[in-house]
Structures are given as structure tokens and as C-alpha cells.
Amino acid sequence: MNDDLRNHSLSFIKKGLRFDGRKLDELRKASLEYSVAKGAEGSARVKIGETEVIVGIKMSVEKPYPDRPEEGTMMVGAELLPLSNPDFELGPPDIKSIELARVVDRGIRESQAIDTKQLLIEKGEKAWIVMIDICTINDTGNLLDASALATLAALKDAKFPAYDGEVIDYKTKTDKSIPLVKFPIAVTVYRIGDNLIIDPTSEEEKIIDARLTVTTTHDGTICALQKGGDYTLTIEEVDKMVDLALAKASELRTLL
């Protein structure tokens, strides 16, 4: 974004205004839909404004990690489809997709949202692996929060496939759900100049100075923090960003 457009955007934001008419701390209209991919064990679609993300869950039985012989685990991958943004390209995961997957993974993992011990089948030999695939359908800003929410919804939607001890029947779903014991919500707060905003558009993302993704559980416990952007944040700014994220997390949580 050129300097003239940045300065023009900043002049609006300093007045508490945004190009789409929202307040600085106002979310776009958000919606959530379950079971959108019938071939997955669980799935969900989240829309925030025109940003749209689909997350699917697949499950397999693998040998547990040697240092965690009594637990299963999860893996998160993200694919930034070119159809969702002209800046995205086909090919191996780039830094943006890797960061997106890591932020989502950290929120789920650090909150201990999944009781991984309940994924165990046979100690040291067999355990369920929960594989989470994030696919961007349309990117008009705030993929981080949309992806984190869609992941949580897909995990909630998922059912184990039938398993007889040897072969997984992916065509048959059981009534057993993933042992989801916590529901961590991620809210990313962005600093532009001296102002804080949430749920930025693509244009606003291009002029940010710093961002902080705050993942919290329903009781306000902070599970994970992930900073982005080129500029540093003061302790006072971090405190304000956390407070704003906590307030907005309750709004997103109602969608579940």
C-alpha cells in the first residue's frame, strides 16, 4: 500500500472510523455452519464478513510418539487457495500458511482443548491422530480468527469412524465424539498507529504496525499469545489488546 493511501486510512482510523463504516472494535457479521464436507469426520464453514474458511477433520490410527506413549495427538495444516486471494500461489506451504497453521495449532494445543489420553487405543502401539485441514475460500481479512473458530467448530462436529482394531471404515461414522473438553477462542487485535482495531479488512491488514492473537477459554484464561507485525508492543499496549480480545471472544463464542 502506498504512503498516500496509508496516510488516508490512518486519518480515518484516528477519528474512530473505518472505510466500511464499522467502529474500531466492531466485528463484521459472522456465521458458522457445521458438517459442510461429507467426506470428512467433521467439518465447519465460518464466514466473517466476506472472509470464508472451511475446516475438515480426518482421523487415522498411528503409533504414539515415544515420549507420549499413552496419548494420541493432532496435526494442523493450512492451504491458502489462490481462488481466495490473488496474492496466494499454488505450491509448497509458504510462511503465511505455516504461520496460520501454527497459530491455530497453538491455541488448541496449549489450552489442552482435546483430552489426548482419550485418543489412546493401545499404550505405545496405537492411538488416534486428529488431522485438521484449513482451506481458505475467500480472503477479505482476518483469516486467523476465522480459521481458529472454524477449527474449533469442526472438532466439535467430528465423529470417530468405525474401527475394528485393524481396519478403519471411513464410510461409517460412530456416535463417539472427539474428547473436546475446552473451547479456546482466538481474537487478533491489530495496532495501526496509536489505535487498536479488530477484524481488519485486507486493506487494513496492509497498513498494520503489529498484531497480537489472544486465545482464551470461557473463563478468561489466556492459553496462547502470538505476535506478528514489524513493530514492538509495550506492556501497556499488550494489556489493552488482551482486554479487547477477551471482550470480543465472548461474541464469537456465541456462534458455537
Protein backbone atom coordinates (compact mmCIF):
# COMPACT_ATOMS: atom_id res chain seq x y z
CA MET A 1 0.00 0.00 0.00
CA ASN A 2 1.46 3.39 -0.97
CA ASP A 3 2.12 6.12 1.59
CA ASP A 4 -0.74 8.33 0.40
CA LEU A 5 -3.29 5.57 0.88
CA ARG A 6 -1.78 4.63 4.25
CA ASN A 7 -1.98 8.22 5.45
CA HIS A 8 -5.54 8.49 4.18
CA SER A 9 -6.51 5.30 6.02
CA LEU A 10 -4.78 6.46 9.21
CA SER A 11 -6.63 9.77 9.13
CA PHE A 12 -9.94 7.88 9.21
CA ILE A 13 -8.84 5.45 11.91
CA LYS A 14 -7.64 8.29 14.16
CA LYS A 15 -11.23 9.59 14.06
CA GLY A 16 -12.58 6.20 15.06
CA LEU A 17 -13.83 5.50 11.55
CA ARG A 18 -13.27 2.69 9.06
CA PHE A 19 -13.93 2.59 5.33
CA ASP A 20 -16.72 0.02 5.75
CA GLY A 21 -18.50 2.10 8.40
CA ARG A 22 -17.61 -0.05 11.42
CA LYS A 23 -16.27 1.11 14.77
CA LEU A 24 -12.66 0.20 15.55
CA ASP A 25 -13.71 -2.61 17.89
CA GLU A 26 -16.61 -3.90 15.80
CA LEU A 27 -16.71 -7.32 14.19
CA ARG A 28 -18.21 -7.87 10.78
CA LYS A 29 -21.25 -10.13 10.62
CA ALA A 30 -20.14 -13.68 11.38
CA SER A 31 -21.79 -17.04 10.75
CA LEU A 32 -20.96 -20.70 11.34
CA GLU A 33 -22.17 -23.86 9.61
CA TYR A 34 -21.45 -27.45 10.63
CA SER A 35 -21.00 -30.61 8.52
CA VAL A 36 -20.19 -28.98 5.19
CA ALA A 37 -17.80 -31.70 3.93
CA LYS A 38 -19.48 -35.09 3.99
CA GLY A 39 -16.26 -36.98 3.32
CA ALA A 40 -14.63 -35.68 6.50
CA GLU A 41 -15.11 -36.94 10.02
CA GLY A 42 -16.13 -33.41 10.95
CA SER A 43 -16.20 -30.04 9.23
CA ALA A 44 -17.34 -26.46 9.52
CA ARG A 45 -17.56 -23.29 7.50
CA VAL A 46 -17.04 -19.87 9.09
CA LYS A 47 -17.74 -16.56 7.44
CA ILE A 48 -16.63 -13.24 8.91
CA GLY A 49 -17.77 -10.55 6.56
CA GLU A 50 -16.84 -11.91 3.14
CA THR A 51 -13.91 -13.91 4.51
CA GLU A 52 -14.76 -17.61 4.28
CA VAL A 53 -12.86 -20.61 5.63
CA ILE A 54 -13.69 -24.34 5.62
CA VAL A 55 -12.02 -26.75 8.02
CA GLY A 56 -12.16 -30.52 7.75
CA ILE A 57 -11.17 -33.22 10.24
CA LYS A 58 -9.67 -36.57 9.25
CA MET A 59 -8.57 -39.27 11.67
CA SER A 60 -6.11 -42.14 11.46
CA VAL A 61 -4.58 -44.70 13.79
CA GLU A 62 -0.83 -44.41 14.26
CA LYS A 63 1.86 -45.33 16.76
CA PRO A 64 2.05 -42.76 19.60
CA TYR A 65 5.13 -40.59 19.99
CA PRO A 66 7.80 -42.31 22.12
CA ASP A 67 7.70 -39.55 24.75
CA ARG A 68 3.89 -39.75 24.98
CA PRO A 69 3.07 -43.46 24.73
CA GLU A 70 -0.32 -43.06 26.40
CA GLU A 71 -1.67 -40.25 24.23
CA GLY A 72 -2.85 -39.54 20.74
CA THR A 73 -2.15 -36.22 19.08
CA MET A 74 -3.27 -33.76 16.42
CA MET A 75 -1.79 -32.09 13.36
CA VAL A 76 -2.84 -28.82 11.72
CA GLY A 77 -2.25 -27.85 8.11
CA ALA A 78 -3.42 -24.79 6.18
CA GLU A 79 -3.83 -24.29 2.46
CA LEU A 80 -4.18 -20.76 1.15
CA LEU A 81 -6.04 -21.39 -2.09
CA PRO A 82 -5.30 -18.97 -4.95
CA LEU A 83 -9.03 -18.69 -5.59
CA SER A 84 -9.38 -16.95 -2.23
CA ASN A 85 -6.80 -14.23 -2.80
CA PRO A 86 -4.76 -13.27 -5.90
CA ASP A 87 -1.67 -12.98 -3.68
CA PHE A 88 -1.78 -16.70 -2.85
CA GLU A 89 0.05 -19.15 -5.10
CA LEU A 90 -0.01 -22.89 -5.64
CA GLY A 91 2.92 -24.88 -4.34
CA PRO A 92 4.53 -25.87 -1.04
CA PRO A 93 3.28 -24.12 2.12
CA ASP A 94 4.68 -20.61 2.41
CA ILE A 95 5.32 -18.58 5.54
CA LYS A 96 1.73 -17.30 5.67
CA SER A 97 0.14 -20.74 5.59
CA ILE A 98 2.69 -22.11 8.06
CA GLU A 99 2.01 -19.26 10.48
CA LEU A 100 -1.75 -19.68 10.14
CA ALA A 101 -1.49 -23.39 10.96
CA ARG A 102 0.83 -22.74 13.89
CA VAL A 103 -1.37 -20.09 15.46
CA VAL A 104 -4.42 -22.34 15.26
CA ASP A 105 -2.44 -25.35 16.50
CA ARG A 106 -1.01 -23.44 19.45
CA GLY A 107 -4.41 -22.28 20.65
CA ILE A 108 -5.84 -25.81 20.63
CA ARG A 109 -2.70 -27.49 21.98
CA GLU A 110 -1.77 -25.03 24.74
CA SER A 111 -5.32 -24.87 26.06
CA GLN A 112 -5.38 -28.68 26.19
CA ALA A 113 -8.74 -28.48 24.46
CA ILE A 114 -8.52 -32.14 23.43
CA ASP A 115 -8.08 -34.80 26.08
CA THR A 116 -5.38 -36.63 24.15
CA LYS A 117 -5.26 -39.51 26.62
CA GLN A 118 -8.74 -40.49 25.47
CA LEU A 119 -7.32 -40.91 21.95
CA LEU A 120 -5.22 -43.87 23.09
CA ILE A 121 -6.12 -47.34 21.77
CA GLU A 122 -3.14 -49.41 22.93
CA LYS A 123 -0.29 -47.99 25.02
CA GLY A 124 2.80 -47.37 22.96
CA GLU A 125 1.27 -49.04 19.91
CA LYS A 126 -1.93 -47.44 18.65
CA ALA A 127 -3.61 -44.07 19.09
CA TRP A 128 -5.88 -41.80 17.12
CA ILE A 129 -4.31 -38.89 15.26
CA VAL A 130 -6.63 -35.95 14.62
CA MET A 131 -5.66 -34.19 11.37
CA ILE A 132 -7.03 -30.68 10.83
CA ASP A 133 -7.09 -29.18 7.33
CA ILE A 134 -7.78 -25.47 6.91
CA CYS A 135 -8.83 -24.28 3.44
CA THR A 136 -9.38 -20.63 2.60
CA ILE A 137 -12.27 -19.99 0.25
CA ASN A 138 -12.29 -16.19 0.28
CA ASP A 139 -9.88 -13.82 2.00
CA THR A 140 -11.02 -10.30 2.75
CA GLY A 141 -9.07 -10.09 6.00
CA ASN A 142 -8.82 -11.79 9.40
CA LEU A 143 -8.09 -15.35 8.30
CA LEU A 144 -6.52 -16.07 11.69
CA ASP A 145 -9.69 -15.67 13.72
CA ALA A 146 -11.94 -17.24 11.11
CA SER A 147 -9.68 -20.30 10.84
CA ALA A 148 -9.38 -20.76 14.59
CA LEU A 149 -13.15 -20.61 15.05
CA ALA A 150 -13.81 -22.97 12.13
CA THR A 151 -11.27 -25.44 13.55
CA LEU A 152 -12.98 -25.48 16.92
CA ALA A 153 -16.38 -25.98 15.28
CA ALA A 154 -15.07 -28.79 13.07
CA LEU A 155 -13.61 -30.57 16.11
CA LYS A 156 -16.94 -30.22 17.86
CA ASP A 157 -18.71 -31.65 14.81
CA ALA A 158 -16.38 -34.62 14.32
CA LYS A 159 -17.29 -38.27 14.95
CA PHE A 160 -14.88 -41.20 15.06
CA PRO A 161 -15.02 -43.55 12.07
CA ALA A 162 -15.74 -47.23 12.70
CA TYR A 163 -12.63 -49.18 13.67
CA ASP A 164 -12.38 -52.92 14.33
CA GLY A 165 -8.85 -52.93 15.66
CA GLU A 166 -7.29 -53.37 12.25
CA VAL A 167 -9.21 -51.51 9.54
CA ILE A 168 -10.82 -48.07 9.66
CA ASP A 169 -14.19 -47.85 7.89
CA TYR A 170 -14.32 -44.20 6.88
CA LYS A 171 -17.76 -44.65 5.32
CA THR A 172 -19.27 -45.46 8.71
CA LYS A 173 -19.28 -42.89 11.48
CA THR A 174 -19.84 -43.84 15.09
CA ASP A 175 -21.57 -41.79 17.78
CA LYS A 176 -18.26 -41.14 19.54
CA SER A 177 -17.09 -37.53 19.51
CA ILE A 178 -13.58 -36.15 19.83
CA PRO A 179 -12.92 -35.59 23.57
CA LEU A 180 -13.11 -31.81 23.38
CA VAL A 181 -13.01 -30.51 26.95
CA LYS A 182 -12.29 -26.81 26.36
CA PHE A 183 -13.32 -24.27 23.74
CA PRO A 184 -10.49 -21.78 23.17
CA ILE A 185 -11.43 -18.72 21.10
CA ALA A 186 -8.81 -16.70 19.23
CA VAL A 187 -9.18 -12.96 18.70
CA THR A 188 -6.48 -10.98 16.92
CA VAL A 189 -6.06 -7.32 17.83
CA TYR A 190 -4.17 -5.05 15.46
CA ARG A 191 -2.29 -1.84 16.14
CA ILE A 192 -2.35 0.81 13.44
CA GLY A 193 -0.54 3.94 14.59
CA ASP A 194 -1.81 4.58 18.12
CA ASN A 195 -5.13 2.82 17.53
CA LEU A 196 -6.31 -0.75 18.11
CA ILE A 197 -8.74 -2.49 15.77
CA ILE A 198 -10.16 -5.98 15.37
CA ASP A 199 -11.34 -7.96 12.35
CA PRO A 200 -9.42 -5.95 9.74
CA THR A 201 -10.18 -5.94 6.05
CA SER A 202 -7.47 -6.92 3.58
CA GLU A 203 -6.68 -3.25 3.00
CA GLU A 204 -6.34 -2.58 6.71
CA GLU A 205 -4.05 -5.59 7.15
CA LYS A 206 -1.60 -3.98 4.72
CA ILE A 207 -1.03 -0.97 6.98
CA ILE A 208 -0.79 -2.63 10.41
CA ASP A 209 2.19 -1.99 12.64
CA ALA A 210 1.72 -5.01 14.91
CA ARG A 211 -0.82 -7.63 15.86
CA LEU A 212 -1.46 -9.93 18.79
CA THR A 213 -3.55 -13.10 18.60
CA VAL A 214 -5.00 -13.86 22.03
CA THR A 215 -6.54 -17.30 22.61
CA THR A 216 -8.69 -17.69 25.71
CA THR A 217 -11.09 -20.18 27.29
CA HIS A 218 -14.59 -19.36 28.52
CA ASP A 219 -13.34 -18.34 31.98
CA GLY A 220 -10.90 -15.80 30.56
CA THR A 221 -7.78 -17.94 30.93
CA ILE A 222 -5.14 -16.98 28.38
CA CYS A 223 -3.91 -20.10 26.58
CA ALA A 224 -1.70 -18.64 23.89
CA LEU A 225 -0.32 -15.36 22.57
CA GLN A 226 1.14 -14.89 19.09
CA LYS A 227 2.63 -11.58 17.98
CA GLY A 228 3.01 -10.51 14.38
CA GLY A 229 3.98 -7.37 12.52
CA ASP A 230 7.23 -5.42 12.34
CA TYR A 231 6.85 -3.14 15.35
CA THR A 232 7.24 -3.83 19.05
CA LEU A 233 4.46 -3.59 21.64
CA THR A 234 4.68 -2.07 25.10
CA ILE A 235 3.34 -3.86 28.16
CA GLU A 236 0.54 -1.30 28.33
CA GLU A 237 -0.42 -1.99 24.70
CA VAL A 238 -0.40 -5.73 25.31
CA ASP A 239 -2.70 -5.27 28.32
CA LYS A 240 -5.15 -3.24 26.24
CA MET A 241 -5.06 -5.77 23.41
CA VAL A 242 -5.73 -8.66 25.78
CA ASP A 243 -8.67 -6.83 27.36
CA LEU A 244 -10.18 -6.12 23.94
CA ALA A 245 -9.65 -9.72 22.82
CA LEU A 246 -11.36 -11.06 25.94
CA ALA A 247 -14.38 -8.85 25.33
CA LYS A 248 -14.72 -9.92 21.70
CA ALA A 249 -14.12 -13.61 22.37
CA SER A 250 -17.48 -13.81 24.10
CA GLU A 251 -19.18 -12.57 20.91
CA LEU A 252 -17.54 -15.27 18.76
CA ARG A 253 -18.20 -17.93 21.37
CA THR A 254 -21.96 -17.50 20.96
CA LEU A 255 -21.66 -18.83 17.39
CA LEU A 256 -20.69 -22.25 18.76
